[in-house]
Amino acid sequence: MKRFFLFVIFIGVTQVNAQINEIGVFLGGTNYIGDIGKTDYVNPSDLAFGLIYKWNKSPRHAYRFSLFHGQISANDLDSEVPGRYKRGLSFENTVTEFSAGLEFNFFDFNLHSLEQKMTPYIYTGLTYAVYDGLFFVGKNPKSDSQHGTIAIPMVVGIKSNITPNLILGAEIGARYSFADDIDGSNPTNENLENQRFGNLLSKDWYVFTGFTLTYTFGEKPCYCFD
C-alpha cells in the first residue's frame, strides 16, 4: 500500500501542467461502532493520523487518495446499554487503510483564484483496511492473524484556503467495513464458532474524525474544455 501511495503521488507530480495537486496530512481521532462499548456514532477517543493526496480536476471535484492509521478501542463499562455493561468486555485494535475515490465540493473551490474560499464537501470511494483479527478467550481478546477487508468510506467535511497554498479542513468519516471480527465478536476461524456473540448479521464500523492540512502545488488550471 505504501508503494502504491508513493506511485500515486509520483503520477500527480508529473501532471502539474494540467491540474492543481494537493498533498498533506490528517490528524485526529477514531471511534468504533459495533457489538462492544458505546453506541455513539461520533466519539473520537484514540489517536489517528495519515497522508492525503488530491488531484483537482475541476472547482467541484477531485480524485483523492489517502493512507490513514489509527487505534480503535471500546469498553462495555462505558456503555449505557445494561446488557453490555454487565458483560464487561473490552478490546483494542489498530487499523491501517488505503482509500481512493472522489471528493465533491458543494460550492466552487477554484484554486485558480487567490480569494479566500470555503466549501462543504463529501467524499466516498473504496477503502482497503488491515487490522488484527480478534477473538475472545473469556474476557481476554486475542489475535489469530492480520486480516484485511474492503470498506466503504462516507466522509463529510468543510475546508477553506487559509493562505494561497494551504488548505485547512475538518471532516468526519465513517467506514462501513465488510468485516465483523475487528472487535472479536465474530471470529472467522470456524474452530472459534462457540466464541461468537452479538449481532452476527451486522458488520463493524469505525470513524475517523479530525483535521486536514494540505499544500497546493503545480501550474494553476484554467478548468476549461480542451
Foldseek 3Di string as FASTA:
>chain_A
DVVVVVVVVVVLVVCLAAWKKKKWKWWFFKEKDDFAAANDPDDGDWIKMWMKMWTDLFQFKIKIKIKMKIKYKHWLCRYPPVVRNVLTAMDIKMKIKIWIWMKGWPDGRALLDFDKDKTKIKIKGKMKMKMFQWADDRRDIDGDGIDIWMKIKIKIKMWIAPGSWKIKMWMKIKIQTPAARRGRQCGPDPVCRVRHDDPPVGHMMMMTTTMIMITIDGDRHPSDDD
